[in-house]
Amino acid sequence: MLSPAEKAYCLALKALKDKEYRRAADYFDRASGQFRENPDFVLLWETTRLLLAVKEELKATEHGDGIEIEEVYYGQEDELR
């Protein structure tokens, strides 16, 4: 059985996969109590928060209307090449 923090972490990863960044950030916040010392967790958590901040800033500027942000993910196979 997963703890609530572990479940939130899993749901955050699924939300990232589905490109639901606000939802992912919320789940990461819920999981942070248990995983705050895990460097991989912190990297995902902070990167998600940064992405949301950038998207919000672009929305707020008149120059951001035509800018698209493309998220690129690399799997282990890509890292080995």
Foldseek 3Di string as FASTA:
>chain_A
DDDLLRVLQVVLVVCVVVVVLVSSLVSLVVNCVPCVVPVVSVVVNVVSVVVVVVLVVLVVDPNSPPDDDDDDDDDPVRVVD
